C-alpha atoms as a PDB file:
ATOM      1  CA  UNK A   1      66.757 105.903 117.457  1.00  0.00           C
ATOM      2  CA  UNK A   2      67.890 103.216 115.018  1.00  0.00           C
ATOM      3  CA  UNK A   3      67.983 104.323 111.384  1.00  0.00           C
ATOM      4  CA  UNK A   4      67.243 101.695 108.736  1.00  0.00           C
ATOM      5  CA  UNK A   5      68.629 101.562 105.225  1.00  0.00           C
ATOM      6  CA  UNK A   6      67.489  99.214 102.493  1.00  0.00           C
ATOM      7  CA  UNK A   7      68.685  98.386  99.027  1.00  0.00           C
ATOM      8  CA  UNK A   8      66.206 100.932  97.670  1.00  0.00           C
ATOM      9  CA  UNK A   9      67.476 103.791  99.827  1.00  0.00           C
ATOM     10  CA  UNK A  10      68.548 106.731  97.650  1.00  0.00           C
ATOM     11  CA  UNK A  11      72.184 107.858  97.690  1.00  0.00           C
ATOM     12  CA  UNK A  12      71.945 110.635  99.837  1.00  0.00           C
ATOM     13  CA  UNK A  13     108.082 117.212 129.633  1.00  0.00           C
ATOM     14  CA  UNK A  14     110.855 116.113 128.643  1.00  0.00           C
ATOM     15  CA  UNK A  15     112.591 116.277 125.365  1.00  0.00           C
ATOM     16  CA  UNK A  16     113.338 112.741 124.183  1.00  0.00           C
ATOM     17  CA  UNK A  17     116.873 111.728 125.031  1.00  0.00           C
ATOM     18  CA  UNK A  18     119.454 110.832 122.397  1.00  0.00           C
ATOM     19  CA  UNK A  19     119.326 107.265 123.678  1.00  0.00           C
ATOM     20  CA  UNK A  20     115.624 107.012 122.741  1.00  0.00           C
ATOM     21  CA  UNK A  21     116.039 108.493 119.262  1.00  0.00           C
ATOM     22  CA  UNK A  22     116.745 105.213 117.388  1.00  0.00           C
ATOM     23  CA  UNK A  23     113.685 103.608 118.938  1.00  0.00           C
ATOM     24  CA  UNK A  24     111.580 106.635 118.040  1.00  0.00           C
ATOM     25  CA  UNK A  25     112.836 106.540 114.436  1.00  0.00           C
ATOM     26  CA  UNK A  26     112.080 102.833 114.217  1.00  0.00           C
ATOM     27  CA  UNK A  27     108.563 103.394 115.546  1.00  0.00           C
ATOM     28  CA  UNK A  28     107.932 106.171 113.027  1.00  0.00           C
ATOM     29  CA  UNK A  29     109.248 103.993 110.196  1.00  0.00           C
ATOM     30  CA  UNK A  30     106.974 101.143 111.268  1.00  0.00           C
ATOM     31  CA  UNK A  31     104.022 103.535 111.428  1.00  0.00           C
ATOM     32  CA  UNK A  32     104.737 104.913 107.963  1.00  0.00           C
ATOM     33  CA  UNK A  33     105.056 101.423 106.508  1.00  0.00           C
ATOM     34  CA  UNK A  34     101.675 100.500 107.971  1.00  0.00           C
ATOM     35  CA  UNK A  35     100.090 103.637 106.507  1.00  0.00           C
ATOM     36  CA  UNK A  36     101.757 103.011 103.159  1.00  0.00           C
ATOM     37  CA  UNK A  37     100.361  99.505 103.093  1.00  0.00           C
ATOM     38  CA  UNK A  38      96.881 100.856 103.803  1.00  0.00           C
ATOM     39  CA  UNK A  39      97.011 103.534 101.156  1.00  0.00           C
ATOM     40  CA  UNK A  40      98.585 101.195  98.639  1.00  0.00           C
ATOM     41  CA  UNK A  41      95.912  98.618  99.206  1.00  0.00           C
ATOM     42  CA  UNK A  42      93.197 101.241  98.915  1.00  0.00           C
ATOM     43  CA  UNK A  43      94.601 102.791  95.746  1.00  0.00           C
ATOM     44  CA  UNK A  44      95.874  99.795  93.850  1.00  0.00           C
ATOM     45  CA  UNK A  45      93.527  96.908  94.581  1.00  0.00           C
ATOM     46  CA  UNK A  46      91.445  95.832  91.611  1.00  0.00           C
ATOM     47  CA  UNK A  47      87.900  95.271  92.746  1.00  0.00           C
ATOM     48  CA  UNK A  48      86.044  92.187  91.669  1.00  0.00           C
ATOM     49  CA  UNK A  49      82.661  92.938  93.195  1.00  0.00           C
ATOM     50  CA  UNK A  50      79.896  90.861  91.649  1.00  0.00           C
ATOM     51  CA  UNK A  51      76.860  92.640  90.224  1.00  0.00           C
ATOM     52  CA  UNK A  52      74.829  91.140  93.063  1.00  0.00           C
ATOM     53  CA  UNK A  53      76.811  90.168  96.134  1.00  0.00           C
ATOM     54  CA  UNK A  54      75.672  87.216  98.202  1.00  0.00           C
ATOM     55  CA  UNK A  55      73.440  88.202 101.073  1.00  0.00           C
ATOM     56  CA  UNK A  56      74.724  87.914 104.632  1.00  0.00           C
ATOM     57  CA  UNK A  57      73.001  85.379 106.937  1.00  0.00           C
ATOM     58  CA  UNK A  58      70.227  84.747 104.436  1.00  0.00           C
ATOM     59  CA  UNK A  59      69.310  88.406 104.128  1.00  0.00           C
ATOM     60  CA  UNK A  60      68.770  89.158 107.828  1.00  0.00           C
ATOM     61  CA  UNK A  61      69.139  92.857 108.708  1.00  0.00           C
ATOM     62  CA  UNK A  62      72.687  93.962 109.492  1.00  0.00           C
ATOM     63  CA  UNK A  63      73.248  96.187 112.522  1.00  0.00           C
ATOM     64  CA  UNK A  64      76.106  98.687 112.574  1.00  0.00           C
ATOM     65  CA  UNK A  65      76.669  99.838 116.153  1.00  0.00           C
ATOM     66  CA  UNK A  66      78.174 103.276 116.675  1.00  0.00           C
ATOM     67  CA  UNK A  67      79.816 104.089 119.999  1.00  0.00           C
ATOM     68  CA  UNK A  68      79.131 107.811 119.634  1.00  0.00           C
ATOM     69  CA  UNK A  69      76.045 110.049 119.621  1.00  0.00           C
ATOM     70  CA  UNK A  70      74.050 110.759 116.471  1.00  0.00           C
ATOM     71  CA  UNK A  71      75.260 113.635 114.337  1.00  0.00           C
ATOM     72  CA  UNK A  72      79.003 113.234 114.859  1.00  0.00           C
ATOM     73  CA  UNK A  73      81.597 112.150 112.325  1.00  0.00           C
ATOM     74  CA  UNK A  74      81.502 108.471 113.322  1.00  0.00           C
ATOM     75  CA  UNK A  75      77.720 108.414 113.050  1.00  0.00           C
ATOM     76  CA  UNK A  76      77.695 110.236 109.707  1.00  0.00           C
ATOM     77  CA  UNK A  77      80.231 107.868 108.176  1.00  0.00           C
ATOM     78  CA  UNK A  78      78.332 104.839 109.494  1.00  0.00           C
ATOM     79  CA  UNK A  79      75.121 106.022 107.826  1.00  0.00           C
ATOM     80  CA  UNK A  80      76.932 106.694 104.564  1.00  0.00           C
ATOM     81  CA  UNK A  81      78.421 103.202 104.535  1.00  0.00           C
ATOM     82  CA  UNK A  82      75.115 101.652 105.603  1.00  0.00           C
ATOM     83  CA  UNK A  83      73.334 103.063 102.563  1.00  0.00           C
ATOM     84  CA  UNK A  84      75.944 101.738 100.176  1.00  0.00           C
ATOM     85  CA  UNK A  85      76.191  98.304 101.797  1.00  0.00           C
ATOM     86  CA  UNK A  86      72.401  97.930 101.792  1.00  0.00           C
ATOM     87  CA  UNK A  87      72.348  98.616  98.082  1.00  0.00           C
ATOM     88  CA  UNK A  88      75.227  96.283  97.273  1.00  0.00           C
ATOM     89  CA  UNK A  89      74.122  93.386  99.488  1.00  0.00           C
ATOM     90  CA  UNK A  90      70.411  93.822  98.730  1.00  0.00           C
ATOM     91  CA  UNK A  91      69.423  93.625 102.369  1.00  0.00           C
ATOM     92  CA  UNK A  92      68.536  95.982 105.194  1.00  0.00           C
ATOM     93  CA  UNK A  93      71.176  97.715 107.282  1.00  0.00           C
ATOM     94  CA  UNK A  94      70.390  99.308 110.661  1.00  0.00           C
ATOM     95  CA  UNK A  95      72.559 101.999 112.305  1.00  0.00           C
ATOM     96  CA  UNK A  96      72.276 102.004 116.101  1.00  0.00           C
ATOM     97  CA  UNK A  97      73.934 104.550 118.372  1.00  0.00           C
ATOM     98  CA  UNK A  98      75.289 103.081 121.611  1.00  0.00           C
ATOM     99  CA  UNK A  99      77.441 105.929 122.985  1.00  0.00           C
ATOM    100  CA  UNK A 100      79.391 105.834 126.218  1.00  0.00           C
ATOM    101  CA  UNK A 101      82.741 104.896 127.770  1.00  0.00           C
ATOM    102  CA  UNK A 102      84.748 106.147 124.805  1.00  0.00           C
ATOM    103  CA  UNK A 103      83.086 103.700 122.435  1.00  0.00           C
ATOM    104  CA  UNK A 104      83.550 100.683 124.712  1.00  0.00           C
ATOM    105  CA  UNK A 105      79.840  99.961 125.197  1.00  0.00           C
ATOM    106  CA  UNK A 106      79.227  99.441 121.491  1.00  0.00           C
ATOM    107  CA  UNK A 107      82.516  97.571 121.086  1.00  0.00           C
ATOM    108  CA  UNK A 108      81.668  95.153 123.880  1.00  0.00           C
ATOM    109  CA  UNK A 109      78.280  94.347 122.330  1.00  0.00           C
ATOM    110  CA  UNK A 110      79.906  93.558 118.990  1.00  0.00           C
ATOM    111  CA  UNK A 111      82.732  91.551 120.552  1.00  0.00           C
ATOM    112  CA  UNK A 112      80.172  89.298 122.235  1.00  0.00           C
ATOM    113  CA  UNK A 113      77.879  88.941 119.203  1.00  0.00           C
ATOM    114  CA  UNK A 114      77.596  85.939 116.883  1.00  0.00           C
ATOM    115  CA  UNK A 115      80.204  85.995 114.084  1.00  0.00           C
ATOM    116  CA  UNK A 116      77.662  85.774 111.258  1.00  0.00           C
ATOM    117  CA  UNK A 117      78.114  89.285 109.834  1.00  0.00           C
ATOM    118  CA  UNK A 118      74.850  90.718 111.138  1.00  0.00           C
ATOM    119  CA  UNK A 119      76.396  92.780 113.970  1.00  0.00           C
ATOM    120  CA  UNK A 120      79.167  95.208 113.045  1.00  0.00           C
ATOM    121  CA  UNK A 121      80.969  98.101 114.694  1.00  0.00           C
ATOM    122  CA  UNK A 122      81.842 101.494 113.241  1.00  0.00           C
ATOM    123  CA  UNK A 123      84.661 102.523 115.524  1.00  0.00           C
ATOM    124  CA  UNK A 124      87.232 105.295 115.690  1.00  0.00           C
ATOM    125  CA  UNK A 125      90.677 106.128 117.031  1.00  0.00           C
ATOM    126  CA  UNK A 126      89.617 105.574 120.643  1.00  0.00           C
ATOM    127  CA  UNK A 127      89.421 101.849 119.844  1.00  0.00           C
ATOM    128  CA  UNK A 128      93.221 101.651 119.855  1.00  0.00           C
ATOM    129  CA  UNK A 129      93.779 104.370 122.470  1.00  0.00           C
ATOM    130  CA  UNK A 130      91.478 102.572 124.936  1.00  0.00           C
ATOM    131  CA  UNK A 131      93.707  99.495 124.834  1.00  0.00           C
ATOM    132  CA  UNK A 132      96.121 101.406 127.095  1.00  0.00           C
ATOM    133  CA  UNK A 133      93.911 104.151 128.522  1.00  0.00           C
ATOM    134  CA  UNK A 134      91.649 101.671 130.347  1.00  0.00           C
ATOM    135  CA  UNK A 135      93.350  99.416 132.870  1.00  0.00           C
ATOM    136  CA  UNK A 136      90.757  96.721 132.285  1.00  0.00           C
ATOM    137  CA  UNK A 137      88.381  96.186 129.366  1.00  0.00           C
ATOM    138  CA  UNK A 138      85.681  93.510 128.975  1.00  0.00           C
ATOM    139  CA  UNK A 139      87.143  92.670 125.564  1.00  0.00           C
ATOM    140  CA  UNK A 140      90.455  92.591 123.724  1.00  0.00           C
ATOM    141  CA  UNK A 141      90.586  95.431 121.155  1.00  0.00           C
ATOM    142  CA  UNK A 142      92.620  93.251 118.792  1.00  0.00           C
ATOM    143  CA  UNK A 143      91.779  89.604 119.402  1.00  0.00           C
ATOM    144  CA  UNK A 144      88.002  89.992 119.833  1.00  0.00           C
ATOM    145  CA  UNK A 145      87.367  91.713 116.496  1.00  0.00           C
ATOM    146  CA  UNK A 146      87.689  91.084 112.775  1.00  0.00           C
ATOM    147  CA  UNK A 147      88.868  94.261 110.992  1.00  0.00           C
ATOM    148  CA  UNK A 148      86.889  94.763 107.772  1.00  0.00           C
ATOM    149  CA  UNK A 149      88.120  98.059 106.333  1.00  0.00           C
ATOM    150  CA  UNK A 150      89.515 101.428 107.322  1.00  0.00           C
ATOM    151  CA  UNK A 151      86.747 103.705 106.078  1.00  0.00           C
ATOM    152  CA  UNK A 152      88.305 107.151 106.375  1.00  0.00           C
ATOM    153  CA  UNK A 153      90.935 109.322 107.976  1.00  0.00           C
ATOM    154  CA  UNK A 154      90.219 112.832 109.288  1.00  0.00           C
ATOM    155  CA  UNK A 155      93.215 115.083 109.995  1.00  0.00           C
ATOM    156  CA  UNK A 156      93.135 117.602 112.800  1.00  0.00           C
ATOM    157  CA  UNK A 157      94.522 121.101 113.083  1.00  0.00           C
ATOM    158  CA  UNK A 158      96.183 123.057 115.867  1.00  0.00           C
ATOM    159  CA  UNK A 159      94.343 126.333 116.317  1.00  0.00           C
ATOM    160  CA  UNK A 160      94.987 129.322 118.562  1.00  0.00           C
ATOM    161  CA  UNK A 161      93.364 132.560 119.589  1.00  0.00           C
ATOM    162  CA  UNK A 162      94.259 135.450 117.258  1.00  0.00           C
ATOM    163  CA  UNK A 163      96.134 137.232 120.046  1.00  0.00           C
ATOM    164  CA  UNK A 164      98.636 134.425 120.680  1.00  0.00           C
ATOM    165  CA  UNK A 165     102.126 135.754 119.793  1.00  0.00           C
ATOM    166  CA  UNK A 166     102.873 132.795 117.511  1.00  0.00           C
ATOM    167  CA  UNK A 167     101.646 132.178 113.976  1.00  0.00           C
ATOM    168  CA  UNK A 168     103.296 128.869 113.138  1.00  0.00           C
ATOM    169  CA  UNK A 169     104.800 125.807 114.793  1.00  0.00           C
ATOM    170  CA  UNK A 170     108.421 127.014 115.123  1.00  0.00           C
ATOM    171  CA  UNK A 171     107.195 130.215 116.788  1.00  0.00           C
ATOM    172  CA  UNK A 172     104.902 128.238 119.114  1.00  0.00           C
ATOM    173  CA  UNK A 173     107.722 125.941 120.210  1.00  0.00           C
ATOM    174  CA  UNK A 174     109.983 128.903 120.971  1.00  0.00           C
ATOM    175  CA  UNK A 175     107.196 130.612 122.908  1.00  0.00           C
ATOM    176  CA  UNK A 176     106.337 127.490 124.911  1.00  0.00           C
ATOM    177  CA  UNK A 177     109.963 126.810 125.786  1.00  0.00           C
ATOM    178  CA  UNK A 178     110.508 130.398 126.899  1.00  0.00           C
ATOM    179  CA  UNK A 179     107.423 130.324 129.164  1.00  0.00           C
ATOM    180  CA  UNK A 180     106.991 126.770 130.548  1.00  0.00           C
ATOM    181  CA  UNK A 181     103.520 126.193 131.947  1.00  0.00           C
ATOM    182  CA  UNK A 182     102.079 129.535 130.832  1.00  0.00           C
ATOM    183  CA  UNK A 183     100.302 128.298 127.691  1.00  0.00           C
ATOM    184  CA  UNK A 184      97.430 125.827 127.790  1.00  0.00           C
ATOM    185  CA  UNK A 185      95.524 123.354 125.633  1.00  0.00           C
ATOM    186  CA  UNK A 186      91.725 123.079 125.718  1.00  0.00           C
ATOM    187  CA  UNK A 187      90.825 119.364 125.893  1.00  0.00           C
ATOM    188  CA  UNK A 188      87.326 118.546 124.648  1.00  0.00           C
ATOM    189  CA  UNK A 189      87.444 114.868 125.542  1.00  0.00           C
ATOM    190  CA  UNK A 190      90.029 113.212 127.782  1.00  0.00           C
ATOM    191  CA  UNK A 191      91.600 110.221 126.061  1.00  0.00           C
ATOM    192  CA  UNK A 192      90.534 111.256 122.552  1.00  0.00           C
ATOM    193  CA  UNK A 193      92.907 111.484 119.616  1.00  0.00           C
ATOM    194  CA  UNK A 194      92.830 115.301 119.700  1.00  0.00           C
ATOM    195  CA  UNK A 195      93.673 115.257 123.423  1.00  0.00           C
ATOM    196  CA  UNK A 196      96.598 112.918 122.898  1.00  0.00           C
ATOM    197  CA  UNK A 197      97.760 114.866 119.856  1.00  0.00           C
ATOM    198  CA  UNK A 198      98.576 117.652 122.303  1.00  0.00           C
ATOM    199  CA  UNK A 199     100.471 115.312 124.600  1.00  0.00           C
ATOM    200  CA  UNK A 200     102.313 113.838 121.626  1.00  0.00           C
ATOM    201  CA  UNK A 201     103.272 117.375 120.605  1.00  0.00           C
ATOM    202  CA  UNK A 202     104.617 118.127 124.097  1.00  0.00           C
ATOM    203  CA  UNK A 203     106.417 114.789 124.293  1.00  0.00           C
ATOM    204  CA  UNK A 204     108.138 115.282 120.938  1.00  0.00           C
ATOM    205  CA  UNK A 205     109.046 118.954 121.438  1.00  0.00           C
ATOM    206  CA  UNK A 206     110.047 118.886 125.102  1.00  0.00           C
ATOM    207  CA  UNK A 207     107.568 121.642 125.968  1.00  0.00           C
ATOM    208  CA  UNK A 208     105.317 122.077 128.993  1.00  0.00           C
ATOM    209  CA  UNK A 209     101.808 123.242 128.055  1.00  0.00           C
ATOM    210  CA  UNK A 210      98.999 122.832 130.598  1.00  0.00           C
ATOM    211  CA  UNK A 211      95.927 120.741 129.712  1.00  0.00           C
ATOM    212  CA  UNK A 212      92.519 122.247 130.543  1.00  0.00           C
ATOM    213  CA  UNK A 213      89.858 119.477 130.312  1.00  0.00           C
ATOM    214  CA  UNK A 214      86.245 120.182 129.350  1.00  0.00           C
ATOM    215  CA  UNK A 215      83.061 118.125 129.235  1.00  0.00           C
ATOM    216  CA  UNK A 216      82.933 118.050 125.462  1.00  0.00           C
ATOM    217  CA  UNK A 217      84.223 119.831 122.365  1.00  0.00           C
ATOM    218  CA  UNK A 218      81.530 122.530 122.363  1.00  0.00           C
ATOM    219  CA  UNK A 219      82.401 124.127 125.745  1.00  0.00           C
ATOM    220  CA  UNK A 220      86.114 123.849 124.968  1.00  0.00           C
ATOM    221  CA  UNK A 221      85.599 125.640 121.662  1.00  0.00           C
ATOM    222  CA  UNK A 222      83.473 128.304 123.371  1.00  0.00           C
ATOM    223  CA  UNK A 223      86.263 129.180 125.795  1.00  0.00           C
ATOM    224  CA  UNK A 224      88.856 129.117 123.015  1.00  0.00           C
ATOM    225  CA  UNK A 225      86.793 131.565 120.959  1.00  0.00           C
ATOM    226  CA  UNK A 226      86.398 133.764 124.063  1.00  0.00           C
ATOM    227  CA  UNK A 227      90.170 133.800 124.613  1.00  0.00           C
ATOM    228  CA  UNK A 228      89.942 131.942 127.939  1.00  0.00           C
ATOM    229  CA  UNK A 229      92.377 129.288 126.681  1.00  0.00           C
ATOM    230  CA  UNK A 230      95.223 129.505 124.187  1.00  0.00           C
ATOM    231  CA  UNK A 231      95.361 126.417 122.000  1.00  0.00           C
ATOM    232  CA  UNK A 232      93.350 123.423 120.884  1.00  0.00           C
ATOM    233  CA  UNK A 233      93.736 120.441 118.595  1.00  0.00           C
ATOM    234  CA  UNK A 234      90.425 119.951 116.805  1.00  0.00           C
ATOM    235  CA  UNK A 235      88.940 118.393 113.689  1.00  0.00           C
ATOM    236  CA  UNK A 236      88.794 120.430 110.509  1.00  0.00           C
ATOM    237  CA  UNK A 237      84.981 120.320 110.648  1.00  0.00           C
ATOM    238  CA  UNK A 238      84.874 122.009 114.055  1.00  0.00           C
ATOM    239  CA  UNK A 239      87.229 124.875 113.297  1.00  0.00           C
ATOM    240  CA  UNK A 240      86.866 125.720 109.597  1.00  0.00           C
ATOM    241  CA  UNK A 241      84.039 128.283 110.016  1.00  0.00           C
ATOM    242  CA  UNK A 242      85.891 130.026 112.856  1.00  0.00           C
ATOM    243  CA  UNK A 243      89.140 130.158 110.883  1.00  0.00           C
ATOM    244  CA  UNK A 244      87.368 131.625 107.859  1.00  0.00           C
ATOM    245  CA  UNK A 245      85.746 134.278 110.044  1.00  0.00           C
ATOM    246  CA  UNK A 246      89.092 135.215 111.591  1.00  0.00           C
ATOM    247  CA  UNK A 247      88.088 134.169 115.114  1.00  0.00           C
ATOM    248  CA  UNK A 248      90.829 131.509 115.217  1.00  0.00           C
ATOM    249  CA  UNK A 249      94.153 131.031 113.482  1.00  0.00           C
ATOM    250  CA  UNK A 250      95.709 127.749 112.379  1.00  0.00           C
ATOM    251  CA  UNK A 251      99.292 127.047 113.421  1.00  0.00           C
ATOM    252  CA  UNK A 252      99.674 123.634 111.782  1.00  0.00           C
ATOM    253  CA  UNK A 253      97.899 120.552 110.453  1.00  0.00           C
ATOM    254  CA  UNK A 254      98.389 117.026 111.775  1.00  0.00           C
ATOM    255  CA  UNK A 255      98.431 115.296 108.382  1.00  0.00           C
ATOM    256  CA  UNK A 256     101.666 114.470 106.528  1.00  0.00           C
ATOM    257  CA  UNK A 257     100.655 116.802 103.672  1.00  0.00           C
ATOM    258  CA  UNK A 258      99.038 120.254 103.658  1.00  0.00           C
ATOM    259  CA  UNK A 259      95.238 120.434 103.630  1.00  0.00           C
ATOM    260  CA  UNK A 260      93.465 122.346 100.839  1.00  0.00           C
ATOM    261  CA  UNK A 261      91.048 123.870 103.359  1.00  0.00           C
ATOM    262  CA  UNK A 262      93.972 125.713 104.987  1.00  0.00           C
ATOM    263  CA  UNK A 263      96.201 127.060 102.206  1.00  0.00           C
ATOM    264  CA  UNK A 264      99.651 128.121 103.322  1.00  0.00           C
ATOM    265  CA  UNK A 265      99.519 126.162 106.602  1.00  0.00           C
ATOM    266  CA  UNK A 266     102.344 123.644 106.902  1.00  0.00           C
ATOM    267  CA  UNK A 267     102.106 120.173 108.471  1.00  0.00           C
ATOM    268  CA  UNK A 268     103.374 120.044 112.051  1.00  0.00           C
ATOM    269  CA  UNK A 269     105.595 117.153 110.932  1.00  0.00           C
ATOM    270  CA  UNK A 270     107.624 119.573 108.807  1.00  0.00           C
ATOM    271  CA  UNK A 271     108.996 120.991 112.066  1.00  0.00           C
ATOM    272  CA  UNK A 272     108.438 118.130 114.529  1.00  0.00           C
ATOM    273  CA  UNK A 273     109.789 115.209 112.545  1.00  0.00           C
ATOM    274  CA  UNK A 274     107.541 112.148 112.673  1.00  0.00           C
ATOM    275  CA  UNK A 275     104.544 113.963 114.146  1.00  0.00           C
ATOM    276  CA  UNK A 276     101.248 112.758 112.702  1.00  0.00           C
ATOM    277  CA  UNK A 277      97.828 112.420 114.308  1.00  0.00           C
ATOM    278  CA  UNK A 278      94.739 111.866 112.229  1.00  0.00           C
ATOM    279  CA  UNK A 279      91.495 110.488 113.579  1.00  0.00           C
ATOM    280  CA  UNK A 280      90.482 107.278 111.802  1.00  0.00           C
ATOM    281  CA  UNK A 281      87.153 105.505 111.405  1.00  0.00           C
ATOM    282  CA  UNK A 282      86.861 101.816 110.604  1.00  0.00           C
ATOM    283  CA  UNK A 283      84.425  98.940 110.274  1.00  0.00           C
ATOM    284  CA  UNK A 284      84.825  95.828 112.437  1.00  0.00           C
ATOM    285  CA  UNK A 285      82.996  92.576 112.996  1.00  0.00           C
ATOM    286  CA  UNK A 286      83.334  90.151 115.914  1.00  0.00           C
ATOM    287  CA  UNK A 287      86.254  87.731 115.911  1.00  0.00           C
ATOM    288  CA  UNK A 288      85.803  84.642 113.784  1.00  0.00           C
ATOM    289  CA  UNK A 289      83.908  86.045 110.807  1.00  0.00           C
ATOM    290  CA  UNK A 290      83.914  83.377 108.076  1.00  0.00           C
ATOM    291  CA  UNK A 291      86.179  84.349 105.151  1.00  0.00           C
ATOM    292  CA  UNK A 292      83.325  84.527 102.640  1.00  0.00           C
ATOM    293  CA  UNK A 293      81.276  86.779 104.939  1.00  0.00           C
ATOM    294  CA  UNK A 294      84.287  89.006 105.602  1.00  0.00           C
ATOM    295  CA  UNK A 295      84.969  89.316 101.890  1.00  0.00           C
ATOM    296  CA  UNK A 296      81.349  90.154 101.068  1.00  0.00           C
ATOM    297  CA  UNK A 297      81.211  92.848 103.758  1.00  0.00           C
ATOM    298  CA  UNK A 298      84.543  94.324 102.721  1.00  0.00           C
ATOM    299  CA  UNK A 299      83.662  94.459  99.042  1.00  0.00           C
ATOM    300  CA  UNK A 300      80.281  96.029  99.738  1.00  0.00           C
ATOM    301  CA  UNK A 301      81.861  98.744 101.891  1.00  0.00           C
ATOM    302  CA  UNK A 302      84.742  99.276  99.500  1.00  0.00           C
ATOM    303  CA  UNK A 303      82.483  99.626  96.482  1.00  0.00           C
ATOM    304  CA  UNK A 304      80.465 102.233  98.359  1.00  0.00           C
ATOM    305  CA  UNK A 305      83.630 104.195  99.146  1.00  0.00           C
ATOM    306  CA  UNK A 306      84.572 104.103  95.468  1.00  0.00           C
ATOM    307  CA  UNK A 307      81.310 105.791  94.477  1.00  0.00           C
ATOM    308  CA  UNK A 308      82.211 109.290  93.184  1.00  0.00           C
ATOM    309  CA  UNK A 309      79.297 110.956  94.996  1.00  0.00           C
ATOM    310  CA  UNK A 310      80.284 109.329  98.310  1.00  0.00           C
ATOM    311  CA  UNK A 311      83.939 110.291  97.939  1.00  0.00           C
ATOM    312  CA  UNK A 312      83.022 113.871  97.067  1.00  0.00           C
ATOM    313  CA  UNK A 313      80.676 114.139 100.040  1.00  0.00           C
ATOM    314  CA  UNK A 314      83.274 112.789 102.465  1.00  0.00           C
ATOM    315  CA  UNK A 315      86.050 114.983 101.094  1.00  0.00           C
ATOM    316  CA  UNK A 316      83.867 118.082 101.400  1.00  0.00           C
ATOM    317  CA  UNK A 317      83.450 117.223 105.077  1.00  0.00           C
ATOM    318  CA  UNK A 318      87.222 116.985 105.539  1.00  0.00           C
ATOM    319  CA  UNK A 319      87.399 113.166 105.541  1.00  0.00           C
ATOM    320  CA  UNK A 320      89.817 111.227 103.362  1.00  0.00           C
ATOM    321  CA  UNK A 321      88.220 107.958 102.105  1.00  0.00           C
ATOM    322  CA  UNK A 322      90.492 104.899 102.404  1.00  0.00           C
ATOM    323  CA  UNK A 323      88.832 101.488 101.941  1.00  0.00           C
ATOM    324  CA  UNK A 324      91.828  99.328 102.913  1.00  0.00           C
ATOM    325  CA  UNK A 325      91.814  95.533 102.759  1.00  0.00           C
ATOM    326  CA  UNK A 326      90.996  93.592 105.948  1.00  0.00           C
ATOM    327  CA  UNK A 327      94.612  92.433 106.181  1.00  0.00           C
ATOM    328  CA  UNK A 328      96.014  95.960 105.864  1.00  0.00           C
ATOM    329  CA  UNK A 329      93.503  97.307 108.377  1.00  0.00           C
ATOM    330  CA  UNK A 330      94.407  94.572 110.871  1.00  0.00           C
ATOM    331  CA  UNK A 331      98.099  95.506 110.610  1.00  0.00           C
ATOM    332  CA  UNK A 332      97.211  99.177 111.039  1.00  0.00           C
ATOM    333  CA  UNK A 333      95.186  98.497 114.202  1.00  0.00           C
ATOM    334  CA  UNK A 334      98.011  96.545 115.828  1.00  0.00           C
ATOM    335  CA  UNK A 335     100.527  99.277 115.053  1.00  0.00           C
ATOM    336  CA  UNK A 336      98.165 102.014 116.264  1.00  0.00           C
ATOM    337  CA  UNK A 337      97.759 100.285 119.637  1.00  0.00           C
ATOM    338  CA  UNK A 338     101.545 100.309 120.047  1.00  0.00           C
ATOM    339  CA  UNK A 339     101.867 103.927 118.902  1.00  0.00           C
ATOM    340  CA  UNK A 340      99.240 105.376 121.240  1.00  0.00           C
ATOM    341  CA  UNK A 341     100.420 103.292 124.212  1.00  0.00           C
ATOM    342  CA  UNK A 342     103.562 105.419 124.434  1.00  0.00           C
ATOM    343  CA  UNK A 343     101.595 108.675 124.357  1.00  0.00           C
ATOM    344  CA  UNK A 344      98.973 107.498 126.879  1.00  0.00           C
ATOM    345  CA  UNK A 345     101.682 106.471 129.334  1.00  0.00           C
ATOM    346  CA  UNK A 346     103.477 109.787 128.869  1.00  0.00           C
ATOM    347  CA  UNK A 347     100.262 111.778 129.369  1.00  0.00           C
ATOM    348  CA  UNK A 348      99.139 109.963 132.501  1.00  0.00           C
ATOM    349  CA  UNK A 349      95.562 110.285 131.187  1.00  0.00           C
ATOM    350  CA  UNK A 350      92.811 108.296 132.866  1.00  0.00           C
ATOM    351  CA  UNK A 351      89.189 107.739 131.751  1.00  0.00           C
ATOM    352  CA  UNK A 352      86.694 110.370 132.855  1.00  0.00           C
END
């Protein structure tokens, strides 16, 4: 059911060869430069948001389409941004869930909408993964959209059953190499960032760990908690209660820096150089948004992300607010398509 916000809404298998190493280092350097540009833009840009921003399309309601069900991270972030943009733009904002096909249904609707700023997309990492995962899409993930801002990044963690005879990443790599094919990963959603994080891990460590696909995160987590599978990459939100209760243990985090929710747990990249895999969530419009409309939408979203209460709420949920410029976000999207293409091809994953 669409949820409306107005200006009066309260704030609520093979180890990489030596020959491929230079290319891998170059790719990692390019990736880090793109991330640095995003974070620099988010941290250092002086905002010049007017007290009352110009309304979009004469004040017509703005729709933000979400290619995921209600209640998930993408949906929650969309509703948070919708409230803030409604307040800043002084016009209604509608959040509509259009789940299915890894976010492609919502993306296709936005790609084919009029470029007047009234139809937007809150998308996620699958937007760039799908560029390679799907052999044919009804839209171009880069050319058919106008990036507005990277809203947030959500790191993942690698968790294991308590009985696994490994307590950190070096121990896991040694165990996996000594017993090829014996360990397994629970996969909650084929083609998702947490699925491909596992394949990236195998690709970069030269290990063979079997993928066990499930019809969703919940059944995968159920079997992991029951000890039916060994390992799983999952969002911090999904595993934190189970880690605190001792039902799961964390072997590593996918972010470049340690996470405060998991004290003493090192980033996987400390052992597997260049490894990084955080889910991202960003706001897009259709291609051809007029510059003044793009700027108004960006500033409204960015100002909302700078609100202390919003930042605190997102950080408590494990999300890291970003708010990059449209130009930095566009560069990030292009680089992310290239980065995931290598992992998708290695994995051999196909859409469910």
